[in-house]
Amino acid sequence: MRAANFGIGTGAFLAERDDWSSAIRRAQQENWRVVELTAITETLFDRLLTYLEDAGGSLTDFDRVSIHAPALFDSSASRVAARIPLGLGHDLVFHPDLYRNEDRLVDLGERAVFENMDLNKPFGRTVGDLSAVFRRFPSAGFCLDVAHVWTNDATLRLGFELLEAFGARLRQLHVSGIEPNGEHRPTTDEDLDLYQPLLDLCAHVPWVLESELVS
């Protein structure tokens, strides 16, 4: 099953995700129209910036490109924020628990996108948390992570509350299989059936698979 608005996060490519050329080549070969470049570590992010400087038009095959900003640091979130080129031209998805105090992100305007967090995070899970983030970053967008919603609320009511509050900011979804403890796993048709009430409300934005879909 692949709906027209599915995209792929390069973090789903277990064999290729640490090599940007290989990961992007695989996304192109599999004909994904939307790709999120998963720079989950600071090292990968630095390599990505170098790759983007050198790659020329290698991303022109995609209709939409976003970047998942690092969530694991060798130094700090501040150092990462300071390294982001303001003219990068792609949305950057941030974990609000890590970046909510980084004023440099204001300069990204609409390119800064914050996602809701899973049950393990101390901040960024609720409408109240994210309202505080968007007051600080008034132009920022929203990424609804439906798997994260489920870890906090198995009824998914939280997802509807987040969409009601921030739907006007919605830029994309994160979709994956997930365990109750927050550990990601391959995405199944059963997961998609579970998420369908939220997916139906978000057909106007891409759904980025953070783990591969298996039947």
N, C-alpha and C. Protein backbone atom coordinates (compact mmCIF):
# COMPACT_ATOMS: atom_id res chain seq x y z
N MET A 1 0.85 -1.20 0.00
CA MET A 1 0.00 0.00 0.00
C MET A 1 0.88 1.24 0.00
N ARG A 2 0.69 2.11 -0.98
CA ARG A 2 1.40 3.38 -0.99
C ARG A 2 0.46 4.44 -1.53
N ALA A 3 -0.12 5.24 -0.65
CA ALA A 3 -0.96 6.34 -1.08
C ALA A 3 -0.11 7.39 -1.77
N ALA A 4 -0.74 8.19 -2.60
CA ALA A 4 -0.01 9.17 -3.39
C ALA A 4 0.75 10.16 -2.52
N ASN A 5 0.27 10.40 -1.30
CA ASN A 5 0.94 11.41 -0.48
C ASN A 5 1.93 10.83 0.52
N PHE A 6 2.28 9.55 0.39
CA PHE A 6 3.35 9.00 1.22
C PHE A 6 4.71 9.51 0.74
N GLY A 7 5.56 9.83 1.69
CA GLY A 7 6.96 10.10 1.42
C GLY A 7 7.81 9.20 2.30
N ILE A 8 9.11 9.35 2.21
CA ILE A 8 10.01 8.48 2.98
C ILE A 8 11.04 9.33 3.72
N GLY A 9 11.33 8.92 4.93
CA GLY A 9 12.45 9.49 5.65
C GLY A 9 13.67 8.60 5.45
N THR A 10 14.83 9.19 5.18
CA THR A 10 16.01 8.38 4.89
C THR A 10 16.44 7.56 6.10
N GLY A 11 15.97 7.92 7.29
CA GLY A 11 16.27 7.11 8.47
C GLY A 11 15.64 5.73 8.40
N ALA A 12 14.66 5.54 7.52
CA ALA A 12 14.04 4.23 7.34
C ALA A 12 14.94 3.26 6.58
N PHE A 13 15.93 3.78 5.87
CA PHE A 13 16.83 2.94 5.07
C PHE A 13 17.98 2.48 5.96
N LEU A 14 17.84 1.33 6.57
CA LEU A 14 18.81 0.92 7.59
C LEU A 14 20.21 0.77 7.03
N ALA A 15 20.33 0.28 5.81
CA ALA A 15 21.66 0.04 5.23
C ALA A 15 22.29 1.31 4.67
N GLU A 16 21.46 2.28 4.29
CA GLU A 16 21.97 3.46 3.59
C GLU A 16 21.89 4.76 4.37
N ARG A 17 21.27 4.76 5.54
CA ARG A 17 20.89 6.02 6.16
C ARG A 17 22.06 6.85 6.65
N ASP A 18 23.24 6.25 6.79
CA ASP A 18 24.40 7.02 7.24
C ASP A 18 25.25 7.54 6.10
N ASP A 19 24.82 7.30 4.87
CA ASP A 19 25.54 7.79 3.69
C ASP A 19 24.56 8.54 2.81
N TRP A 20 24.74 9.85 2.72
CA TRP A 20 23.73 10.66 2.03
C TRP A 20 23.59 10.31 0.56
N SER A 21 24.67 10.08 -0.13
CA SER A 21 24.57 9.73 -1.55
C SER A 21 23.77 8.46 -1.74
N SER A 22 24.04 7.45 -0.93
CA SER A 22 23.34 6.17 -1.06
C SER A 22 21.87 6.30 -0.68
N ALA A 23 21.59 7.02 0.39
CA ALA A 23 20.20 7.16 0.84
C ALA A 23 19.36 7.91 -0.18
N ILE A 24 19.90 8.99 -0.71
CA ILE A 24 19.15 9.78 -1.69
C ILE A 24 19.00 9.01 -2.99
N ARG A 25 20.04 8.28 -3.38
CA ARG A 25 19.93 7.46 -4.58
C ARG A 25 18.84 6.41 -4.45
N ARG A 26 18.75 5.79 -3.27
CA ARG A 26 17.71 4.79 -3.07
C ARG A 26 16.32 5.43 -3.13
N ALA A 27 16.15 6.59 -2.51
CA ALA A 27 14.86 7.27 -2.57
C ALA A 27 14.47 7.60 -4.01
N GLN A 28 15.45 7.99 -4.82
CA GLN A 28 15.18 8.27 -6.22
C GLN A 28 14.82 7.00 -6.97
N GLN A 29 15.57 5.92 -6.74
CA GLN A 29 15.31 4.66 -7.44
C GLN A 29 13.95 4.09 -7.09
N GLU A 30 13.48 4.33 -5.87
CA GLU A 30 12.18 3.84 -5.45
C GLU A 30 11.05 4.81 -5.79
N ASN A 31 11.40 5.89 -6.48
CA ASN A 31 10.42 6.84 -7.02
C ASN A 31 9.61 7.56 -5.95
N TRP A 32 10.24 7.82 -4.80
CA TRP A 32 9.57 8.65 -3.81
C TRP A 32 9.57 10.10 -4.29
N ARG A 33 8.42 10.75 -4.16
CA ARG A 33 8.32 12.15 -4.58
C ARG A 33 8.60 13.11 -3.42
N VAL A 34 8.47 12.61 -2.20
CA VAL A 34 8.72 13.40 -0.99
C VAL A 34 9.77 12.67 -0.17
N VAL A 35 10.78 13.40 0.29
CA VAL A 35 11.83 12.77 1.09
C VAL A 35 12.17 13.68 2.27
N GLU A 36 12.36 13.06 3.42
CA GLU A 36 12.90 13.77 4.58
C GLU A 36 14.29 13.24 4.84
N LEU A 37 15.26 14.12 4.89
CA LEU A 37 16.65 13.75 5.11
C LEU A 37 16.87 13.68 6.62
N THR A 38 17.04 12.47 7.14
CA THR A 38 17.04 12.24 8.58
C THR A 38 18.44 12.42 9.14
N ALA A 39 18.74 13.64 9.55
CA ALA A 39 20.05 13.96 10.12
C ALA A 39 19.94 13.87 11.63
N ILE A 40 19.75 12.68 12.13
CA ILE A 40 19.37 12.51 13.54
C ILE A 40 20.52 12.77 14.50
N THR A 41 21.76 12.68 14.01
CA THR A 41 22.92 13.01 14.84
C THR A 41 23.59 14.27 14.31
N GLU A 42 24.33 14.91 15.17
CA GLU A 42 25.04 16.12 14.77
C GLU A 42 26.06 15.82 13.67
N THR A 43 26.72 14.68 13.77
CA THR A 43 27.69 14.30 12.73
C THR A 43 27.02 14.15 11.38
N LEU A 44 25.86 13.47 11.35
CA LEU A 44 25.14 13.32 10.09
C LEU A 44 24.69 14.68 9.54
N PHE A 45 24.30 15.57 10.43
CA PHE A 45 23.87 16.90 9.99
C PHE A 45 25.03 17.66 9.35
N ASP A 46 26.20 17.61 9.96
CA ASP A 46 27.36 18.28 9.38
C ASP A 46 27.69 17.69 8.00
N ARG A 47 27.62 16.37 7.89
CA ARG A 47 27.86 15.74 6.60
C ARG A 47 26.81 16.14 5.57
N LEU A 48 25.57 16.30 6.03
CA LEU A 48 24.50 16.70 5.12
C LEU A 48 24.74 18.10 4.58
N LEU A 49 25.14 19.02 5.43
CA LEU A 49 25.41 20.37 4.96
C LEU A 49 26.50 20.36 3.89
N THR A 50 27.53 19.55 4.12
CA THR A 50 28.58 19.43 3.11
C THR A 50 28.04 18.82 1.83
N TYR A 51 27.23 17.78 1.96
CA TYR A 51 26.63 17.13 0.79
C TYR A 51 25.78 18.12 -0.01
N LEU A 52 24.96 18.91 0.68
CA LEU A 52 24.09 19.84 -0.02
C LEU A 52 24.88 20.92 -0.73
N GLU A 53 26.01 21.30 -0.16
CA GLU A 53 26.86 22.29 -0.82
C GLU A 53 27.45 21.74 -2.11
N ASP A 54 27.73 20.43 -2.11
CA ASP A 54 28.44 19.82 -3.24
C ASP A 54 27.54 19.12 -4.24
N ALA A 55 26.28 18.88 -3.88
CA ALA A 55 25.45 17.97 -4.66
C ALA A 55 24.78 18.60 -5.86
N GLY A 56 24.80 19.90 -5.95
CA GLY A 56 24.16 20.54 -7.09
C GLY A 56 22.67 20.28 -7.13
N GLY A 57 22.19 19.74 -8.24
CA GLY A 57 20.77 19.54 -8.45
C GLY A 57 20.28 18.16 -8.11
N SER A 58 20.98 17.43 -7.24
CA SER A 58 20.64 16.03 -7.01
C SER A 58 19.31 15.84 -6.31
N LEU A 59 18.73 16.91 -5.74
CA LEU A 59 17.45 16.79 -5.06
C LEU A 59 16.27 17.26 -5.91
N THR A 60 16.53 17.60 -7.15
CA THR A 60 15.47 18.15 -7.99
C THR A 60 14.46 17.11 -8.43
N ASP A 61 14.75 15.82 -8.24
CA ASP A 61 13.78 14.78 -8.58
C ASP A 61 12.60 14.77 -7.62
N PHE A 62 12.73 15.39 -6.46
CA PHE A 62 11.70 15.31 -5.43
C PHE A 62 10.80 16.54 -5.47
N ASP A 63 9.52 16.31 -5.19
CA ASP A 63 8.58 17.42 -5.12
C ASP A 63 8.73 18.20 -3.82
N ARG A 64 9.13 17.51 -2.76
CA ARG A 64 9.33 18.17 -1.47
C ARG A 64 10.49 17.51 -0.74
N VAL A 65 11.34 18.33 -0.15
CA VAL A 65 12.46 17.86 0.67
C VAL A 65 12.38 18.57 2.01
N SER A 66 12.45 17.80 3.07
CA SER A 66 12.59 18.37 4.41
C SER A 66 13.79 17.73 5.09
N ILE A 67 14.21 18.31 6.19
CA ILE A 67 15.36 17.82 6.94
C ILE A 67 14.94 17.63 8.39
N HIS A 68 15.22 16.45 8.93
CA HIS A 68 14.99 16.23 10.36
C HIS A 68 16.25 16.64 11.10
N ALA A 69 16.15 17.69 11.89
CA ALA A 69 17.30 18.22 12.61
C ALA A 69 17.78 17.23 13.67
N PRO A 70 19.05 17.32 14.05
CA PRO A 70 19.61 16.37 15.02
C PRO A 70 18.86 16.35 16.35
N ALA A 71 18.76 15.15 16.89
CA ALA A 71 18.24 14.96 18.24
C ALA A 71 19.30 14.37 19.17
N LEU A 72 20.46 14.04 18.60
CA LEU A 72 21.60 13.52 19.36
C LEU A 72 22.80 14.41 19.06
N PHE A 73 23.45 14.91 20.11
CA PHE A 73 24.46 15.94 19.92
C PHE A 73 25.83 15.49 20.41
N ASP A 74 26.85 15.91 19.67
CA ASP A 74 28.22 15.87 20.17
C ASP A 74 28.51 17.14 20.98
N SER A 75 27.84 18.22 20.61
CA SER A 75 28.05 19.49 21.32
C SER A 75 26.74 19.95 21.95
N SER A 76 25.88 20.64 21.18
CA SER A 76 24.66 21.17 21.76
C SER A 76 23.68 21.56 20.66
N ALA A 77 22.42 21.75 21.06
CA ALA A 77 21.41 22.25 20.13
C ALA A 77 21.78 23.64 19.64
N SER A 78 22.38 24.44 20.50
CA SER A 78 22.75 25.80 20.10
C SER A 78 23.78 25.78 18.98
N ARG A 79 24.72 24.87 19.07
CA ARG A 79 25.74 24.77 18.02
C ARG A 79 25.11 24.36 16.70
N VAL A 80 24.16 23.43 16.75
CA VAL A 80 23.46 23.01 15.54
C VAL A 80 22.67 24.17 14.96
N ALA A 81 21.92 24.86 15.80
CA ALA A 81 21.11 25.97 15.32
C ALA A 81 21.97 27.04 14.66
N ALA A 82 23.12 27.28 15.20
CA ALA A 82 24.01 28.30 14.65
C ALA A 82 24.56 27.90 13.29
N ARG A 83 24.59 26.60 13.01
CA ARG A 83 25.15 26.10 11.75
C ARG A 83 24.14 26.06 10.62
N ILE A 84 22.87 26.27 10.90
CA ILE A 84 21.85 26.13 9.86
C ILE A 84 21.91 27.34 8.92
N PRO A 85 22.14 27.12 7.63
CA PRO A 85 22.11 28.23 6.67
C PRO A 85 20.69 28.76 6.54
N LEU A 86 20.50 30.05 6.69
CA LEU A 86 19.15 30.61 6.64
C LEU A 86 18.54 30.50 5.25
N GLY A 87 19.36 30.34 4.23
CA GLY A 87 18.84 30.21 2.87
C GLY A 87 18.79 28.78 2.39
N LEU A 88 18.69 27.84 3.29
CA LEU A 88 18.77 26.43 2.93
C LEU A 88 17.67 26.01 1.97
N GLY A 89 16.48 26.57 2.13
CA GLY A 89 15.41 26.30 1.16
C GLY A 89 14.56 25.09 1.46
N HIS A 90 14.78 24.41 2.58
CA HIS A 90 13.97 23.25 2.95
C HIS A 90 13.44 23.44 4.37
N ASP A 91 12.26 22.86 4.62
CA ASP A 91 11.78 22.84 6.00
C ASP A 91 12.71 22.02 6.86
N LEU A 92 12.88 22.44 8.11
CA LEU A 92 13.66 21.69 9.09
C LEU A 92 12.75 21.32 10.25
N VAL A 93 12.70 20.02 10.57
CA VAL A 93 11.82 19.52 11.62
C VAL A 93 12.62 19.39 12.91
N PHE A 94 12.10 19.99 13.98
CA PHE A 94 12.81 20.05 15.25
C PHE A 94 12.00 19.38 16.35
N HIS A 95 12.73 18.77 17.30
CA HIS A 95 12.13 18.30 18.54
C HIS A 95 12.00 19.50 19.48
N PRO A 96 10.79 19.84 19.90
CA PRO A 96 10.64 21.06 20.73
C PRO A 96 11.29 20.97 22.10
N ASP A 97 11.44 19.77 22.63
CA ASP A 97 12.09 19.67 23.94
C ASP A 97 13.55 20.07 23.87
N LEU A 98 14.16 19.96 22.68
CA LEU A 98 15.58 20.26 22.52
C LEU A 98 15.84 21.67 22.01
N TYR A 99 14.92 22.21 21.20
CA TYR A 99 15.19 23.46 20.48
C TYR A 99 14.30 24.62 20.89
N ARG A 100 13.47 24.46 21.90
CA ARG A 100 12.50 25.51 22.19
C ARG A 100 13.13 26.80 22.68
N ASN A 101 14.39 26.75 23.12
CA ASN A 101 15.05 27.96 23.61
C ASN A 101 16.04 28.55 22.61
N GLU A 102 16.05 28.02 21.39
CA GLU A 102 17.03 28.46 20.40
C GLU A 102 16.44 29.59 19.55
N ASP A 103 16.71 30.83 19.95
CA ASP A 103 16.12 31.98 19.29
C ASP A 103 16.53 32.10 17.82
N ARG A 104 17.65 31.48 17.46
CA ARG A 104 18.08 31.54 16.06
C ARG A 104 17.02 30.96 15.13
N LEU A 105 16.21 30.04 15.63
CA LEU A 105 15.20 29.42 14.80
C LEU A 105 14.12 30.41 14.37
N VAL A 106 13.97 31.51 15.11
CA VAL A 106 13.02 32.54 14.69
C VAL A 106 13.37 33.02 13.28
N ASP A 107 14.67 33.10 12.98
CA ASP A 107 15.11 33.61 11.69
C ASP A 107 14.78 32.65 10.54
N LEU A 108 14.47 31.40 10.87
CA LEU A 108 14.06 30.45 9.83
C LEU A 108 12.62 30.69 9.39
N GLY A 109 11.87 31.42 10.18
CA GLY A 109 10.48 31.71 9.81
C GLY A 109 9.67 30.44 9.63
N GLU A 110 8.98 30.33 8.49
CA GLU A 110 8.13 29.18 8.21
C GLU A 110 8.92 27.90 7.97
N ARG A 111 10.22 28.01 7.77
CA ARG A 111 11.04 26.81 7.54
C ARG A 111 11.24 25.98 8.81
N ALA A 112 11.05 26.58 9.97
CA ALA A 112 11.13 25.84 11.22
C ALA A 112 9.82 25.12 11.46
N VAL A 113 9.90 23.81 11.71
CA VAL A 113 8.72 22.98 11.91
C VAL A 113 8.94 22.16 13.18
N PHE A 114 7.98 22.18 14.08
CA PHE A 114 8.09 21.44 15.33
C PHE A 114 7.12 20.27 15.34
N GLU A 115 7.61 19.12 15.82
CA GLU A 115 6.75 17.94 15.91
C GLU A 115 6.40 17.64 17.37
N ASN A 116 5.27 16.99 17.55
CA ASN A 116 4.87 16.54 18.89
C ASN A 116 5.70 15.34 19.31
N MET A 117 5.93 15.21 20.61
CA MET A 117 6.86 14.22 21.14
C MET A 117 6.13 12.99 21.70
N ASP A 118 6.93 11.92 21.91
CA ASP A 118 6.38 10.68 22.45
C ASP A 118 6.36 10.71 23.97
N LEU A 119 5.91 9.61 24.55
CA LEU A 119 5.71 9.56 26.00
C LEU A 119 6.99 9.69 26.81
N ASN A 120 8.15 9.50 26.18
CA ASN A 120 9.41 9.54 26.91
C ASN A 120 9.97 10.95 27.08
N LYS A 121 9.40 11.90 26.38
CA LYS A 121 9.95 13.25 26.39
C LYS A 121 9.30 14.08 27.49
N PRO A 122 10.08 14.92 28.14
CA PRO A 122 9.53 15.72 29.24
C PRO A 122 8.71 16.91 28.76
N PHE A 123 8.81 17.25 27.49
CA PHE A 123 8.16 18.45 26.96
C PHE A 123 7.86 18.22 25.49
N GLY A 124 6.77 18.85 25.02
CA GLY A 124 6.45 18.80 23.60
C GLY A 124 5.37 17.80 23.24
N ARG A 125 4.70 17.27 24.25
CA ARG A 125 3.70 16.22 23.99
C ARG A 125 2.28 16.77 23.90
N THR A 126 2.01 17.90 24.49
CA THR A 126 0.64 18.38 24.68
C THR A 126 0.38 19.66 23.90
N VAL A 127 -0.91 19.99 23.79
CA VAL A 127 -1.29 21.26 23.17
C VAL A 127 -0.69 22.42 23.95
N GLY A 128 -0.69 22.34 25.27
CA GLY A 128 -0.12 23.42 26.07
C GLY A 128 1.37 23.62 25.81
N ASP A 129 2.12 22.52 25.76
CA ASP A 129 3.56 22.63 25.48
C ASP A 129 3.81 23.29 24.14
N LEU A 130 3.12 22.80 23.11
CA LEU A 130 3.38 23.31 21.77
C LEU A 130 2.85 24.72 21.57
N SER A 131 1.81 25.08 22.30
CA SER A 131 1.33 26.47 22.25
C SER A 131 2.43 27.42 22.71
N ALA A 132 3.17 27.03 23.76
CA ALA A 132 4.27 27.85 24.24
C ALA A 132 5.36 27.97 23.18
N VAL A 133 5.63 26.88 22.47
CA VAL A 133 6.64 26.90 21.41
C VAL A 133 6.22 27.85 20.30
N PHE A 134 4.96 27.76 19.88
CA PHE A 134 4.53 28.59 18.75
C PHE A 134 4.37 30.05 19.13
N ARG A 135 4.19 30.34 20.41
CA ARG A 135 4.24 31.75 20.83
C ARG A 135 5.65 32.30 20.64
N ARG A 136 6.63 31.49 20.89
CA ARG A 136 8.02 31.94 20.74
C ARG A 136 8.45 31.97 19.28
N PHE A 137 7.88 31.05 18.48
CA PHE A 137 8.21 30.96 17.05
C PHE A 137 6.92 31.09 16.25
N PRO A 138 6.41 32.30 16.13
CA PRO A 138 5.05 32.49 15.60
C PRO A 138 4.86 32.10 14.14
N SER A 139 5.93 32.03 13.36
CA SER A 139 5.80 31.65 11.95
C SER A 139 6.02 30.17 11.70
N ALA A 140 6.39 29.42 12.74
CA ALA A 140 6.80 28.03 12.57
C ALA A 140 5.63 27.13 12.17
N GLY A 141 5.98 26.01 11.52
CA GLY A 141 5.01 25.01 11.13
C GLY A 141 4.94 23.87 12.12
N PHE A 142 4.03 22.94 11.83
CA PHE A 142 3.76 21.81 12.71
C PHE A 142 3.86 20.52 11.92
N CYS A 143 4.52 19.51 12.51
CA CYS A 143 4.56 18.15 11.98
C CYS A 143 3.85 17.25 13.00
N LEU A 144 2.75 16.63 12.58
CA LEU A 144 2.03 15.72 13.46
C LEU A 144 2.66 14.34 13.36
N ASP A 145 3.22 13.85 14.44
CA ASP A 145 3.74 12.49 14.50
C ASP A 145 2.65 11.61 15.10
N VAL A 146 2.01 10.83 14.23
CA VAL A 146 0.84 10.06 14.69
C VAL A 146 1.25 8.92 15.61
N ALA A 147 2.44 8.35 15.42
CA ALA A 147 2.92 7.31 16.32
C ALA A 147 3.19 7.87 17.70
N HIS A 148 3.76 9.06 17.76
CA HIS A 148 3.98 9.71 19.05
C HIS A 148 2.66 9.97 19.77
N VAL A 149 1.66 10.40 19.00
CA VAL A 149 0.34 10.58 19.60
C VAL A 149 -0.11 9.30 20.29
N TRP A 150 0.01 8.17 19.59
CA TRP A 150 -0.49 6.90 20.11
C TRP A 150 0.20 6.51 21.42
N THR A 151 1.50 6.80 21.55
CA THR A 151 2.19 6.44 22.79
C THR A 151 1.66 7.23 23.98
N ASN A 152 1.13 8.40 23.73
CA ASN A 152 0.57 9.23 24.80
C ASN A 152 -0.91 8.98 25.03
N ASP A 153 -1.61 8.55 23.98
CA ASP A 153 -3.07 8.42 24.06
C ASP A 153 -3.53 7.40 23.02
N ALA A 154 -3.78 6.19 23.47
CA ALA A 154 -4.15 5.11 22.56
C ALA A 154 -5.49 5.35 21.87
N THR A 155 -6.30 6.28 22.39
CA THR A 155 -7.56 6.61 21.72
C THR A 155 -7.34 7.56 20.55
N LEU A 156 -6.17 8.16 20.45
CA LEU A 156 -5.79 9.15 19.43
C LEU A 156 -6.51 10.49 19.59
N ARG A 157 -7.28 10.64 20.65
CA ARG A 157 -7.97 11.92 20.85
C ARG A 157 -6.97 13.08 20.88
N LEU A 158 -5.80 12.84 21.45
CA LEU A 158 -4.77 13.88 21.50
C LEU A 158 -4.45 14.38 20.10
N GLY A 159 -4.41 13.47 19.12
CA GLY A 159 -4.12 13.89 17.75
C GLY A 159 -5.14 14.86 17.20
N PHE A 160 -6.41 14.61 17.50
CA PHE A 160 -7.45 15.53 17.05
C PHE A 160 -7.32 16.87 17.75
N GLU A 161 -6.94 16.86 19.01
CA GLU A 161 -6.75 18.11 19.75
C GLU A 161 -5.59 18.90 19.17
N LEU A 162 -4.50 18.20 18.81
CA LEU A 162 -3.35 18.88 18.21
C LEU A 162 -3.71 19.47 16.86
N LEU A 163 -4.48 18.74 16.07
CA LEU A 163 -4.89 19.27 14.76
C LEU A 163 -5.85 20.45 14.91
N GLU A 164 -6.72 20.38 15.88
CA GLU A 164 -7.63 21.50 16.10
C GLU A 164 -6.85 22.75 16.48
N ALA A 165 -5.82 22.58 17.29
CA ALA A 165 -5.04 23.73 17.75
C ALA A 165 -4.07 24.24 16.69
N PHE A 166 -3.45 23.32 15.95
CA PHE A 166 -2.33 23.70 15.09
C PHE A 166 -2.50 23.28 13.63
N GLY A 167 -3.71 22.89 13.25
CA GLY A 167 -3.92 22.42 11.88
C GLY A 167 -3.56 23.44 10.82
N ALA A 168 -3.72 24.71 11.12
CA ALA A 168 -3.37 25.74 10.15
C ALA A 168 -1.87 25.80 9.89
N ARG A 169 -1.08 25.24 10.81
CA ARG A 169 0.37 25.22 10.66
C ARG A 169 0.87 23.91 10.06
N LEU A 170 -0.01 22.95 9.85
CA LEU A 170 0.42 21.59 9.50
C LEU A 170 1.17 21.57 8.19
N ARG A 171 2.37 21.00 8.22
CA ARG A 171 3.23 20.94 7.05
C ARG A 171 3.41 19.51 6.55
N GLN A 172 3.40 18.54 7.47
CA GLN A 172 3.58 17.14 7.09
C GLN A 172 3.25 16.27 8.31
N LEU A 173 3.17 14.95 8.06
CA LEU A 173 3.01 13.97 9.11
C LEU A 173 4.26 13.11 9.20
N HIS A 174 4.52 12.57 10.37
CA HIS A 174 5.43 11.44 10.56
C HIS A 174 4.58 10.21 10.85
N VAL A 175 4.87 9.14 10.15
CA VAL A 175 4.10 7.90 10.29
C VAL A 175 5.09 6.75 10.48
N SER A 176 4.84 5.90 11.47
CA SER A 176 5.70 4.74 11.69
C SER A 176 5.00 3.76 12.59
N GLY A 177 5.51 2.54 12.62
CA GLY A 177 5.15 1.62 13.67
C GLY A 177 5.89 1.99 14.94
N ILE A 178 5.28 1.69 16.07
CA ILE A 178 5.92 2.06 17.33
C ILE A 178 5.43 1.13 18.44
N GLU A 179 6.30 0.87 19.38
CA GLU A 179 5.94 0.07 20.55
C GLU A 179 5.43 0.99 21.66
N PRO A 180 4.72 0.44 22.64
CA PRO A 180 4.21 1.28 23.73
C PRO A 180 5.29 2.06 24.47
N ASN A 181 6.53 1.56 24.45
CA ASN A 181 7.63 2.27 25.13
C ASN A 181 8.28 3.33 24.26
N GLY A 182 7.75 3.54 23.05
CA GLY A 182 8.28 4.57 22.17
C GLY A 182 9.31 4.08 21.18
N GLU A 183 9.64 2.80 21.19
CA GLU A 183 10.63 2.26 20.25
C GLU A 183 9.99 2.09 18.87
N HIS A 184 10.62 2.70 17.86
CA HIS A 184 10.09 2.59 16.50
C HIS A 184 10.38 1.20 15.92
N ARG A 185 9.49 0.76 15.05
CA ARG A 185 9.62 -0.53 14.36
C ARG A 185 9.00 -0.36 12.98
N PRO A 186 9.13 -1.37 12.09
CA PRO A 186 8.51 -1.24 10.77
C PRO A 186 7.02 -0.92 10.86
N THR A 187 6.54 -0.18 9.88
CA THR A 187 5.15 0.23 9.81
C THR A 187 4.34 -0.87 9.11
N THR A 188 3.22 -1.22 9.68
CA THR A 188 2.38 -2.28 9.11
C THR A 188 1.05 -1.70 8.63
N ASP A 189 0.33 -2.51 7.84
CA ASP A 189 -1.01 -2.10 7.42
C ASP A 189 -1.91 -1.92 8.63
N GLU A 190 -1.69 -2.71 9.67
CA GLU A 190 -2.48 -2.57 10.89
C GLU A 190 -2.24 -1.21 11.55
N ASP A 191 -0.98 -0.75 11.52
CA ASP A 191 -0.70 0.58 12.04
C ASP A 191 -1.47 1.64 11.25
N LEU A 192 -1.46 1.52 9.94
CA LEU A 192 -2.14 2.51 9.12
C LEU A 192 -3.64 2.49 9.36
N ASP A 193 -4.20 1.29 9.55
CA ASP A 193 -5.62 1.20 9.87
C ASP A 193 -5.92 1.92 11.19
N LEU A 194 -5.03 1.75 12.17
CA LEU A 194 -5.20 2.41 13.46
C LEU A 194 -5.15 3.93 13.31
N TYR A 195 -4.22 4.41 12.50
CA TYR A 195 -4.01 5.84 12.33
C TYR A 195 -5.01 6.49 11.38
N GLN A 196 -5.79 5.69 10.66
CA GLN A 196 -6.59 6.20 9.55
C GLN A 196 -7.47 7.39 9.90
N PRO A 197 -8.10 7.43 11.09
CA PRO A 197 -8.91 8.62 11.39
C PRO A 197 -8.12 9.92 11.36
N LEU A 198 -6.85 9.88 11.78
CA LEU A 198 -6.01 11.07 11.69
C LEU A 198 -5.52 11.29 10.27
N LEU A 199 -5.13 10.22 9.58
CA LEU A 199 -4.65 10.36 8.21
C LEU A 199 -5.72 10.99 7.32
N ASP A 200 -6.98 10.61 7.55
CA ASP A 200 -8.06 11.13 6.72
C ASP A 200 -8.18 12.65 6.81
N LEU A 201 -7.79 13.21 7.95
CA LEU A 201 -7.87 14.66 8.14
C LEU A 201 -6.67 15.38 7.55
N CYS A 202 -5.66 14.63 7.11
CA CYS A 202 -4.39 15.24 6.71
C CYS A 202 -3.99 14.87 5.29
N ALA A 203 -4.97 14.62 4.45
CA ALA A 203 -4.68 14.20 3.08
C ALA A 203 -4.05 15.31 2.25
N HIS A 204 -4.06 16.54 2.75
CA HIS A 204 -3.54 17.68 1.99
C HIS A 204 -2.05 17.90 2.22
N VAL A 205 -1.42 17.09 3.09
CA VAL A 205 0.02 17.23 3.35
C VAL A 205 0.69 15.86 3.18
N PRO A 206 2.00 15.83 2.99
CA PRO A 206 2.69 14.54 2.85
C PRO A 206 2.72 13.77 4.17
N TRP A 207 2.72 12.45 4.04
CA TRP A 207 2.88 11.55 5.17
C TRP A 207 4.25 10.90 5.04
N VAL A 208 5.18 11.28 5.87
CA VAL A 208 6.56 10.79 5.77
C VAL A 208 6.70 9.53 6.62
N LEU A 209 7.03 8.42 5.98
CA LEU A 209 7.29 7.17 6.69
C LEU A 209 8.66 7.24 7.34
N GLU A 210 8.68 7.12 8.67
CA GLU A 210 9.96 7.09 9.38
C GLU A 210 10.49 5.67 9.54
N SER A 211 9.68 4.69 9.25
CA SER A 211 10.12 3.30 9.16
C SER A 211 9.40 2.66 8.00
N GLU A 212 10.06 1.72 7.36
CA GLU A 212 9.51 1.18 6.12
C GLU A 212 8.21 0.44 6.35
N LEU A 213 7.37 0.45 5.32
CA LEU A 213 6.07 -0.21 5.36
C LEU A 213 6.21 -1.66 4.96
N VAL A 214 5.74 -2.54 5.83
CA VAL A 214 5.77 -3.98 5.53
C VAL A 214 4.35 -4.51 5.64
N SER A 215 4.03 -5.49 4.81
CA SER A 215 2.68 -6.07 4.83
C SER A 215 2.67 -7.31 5.71
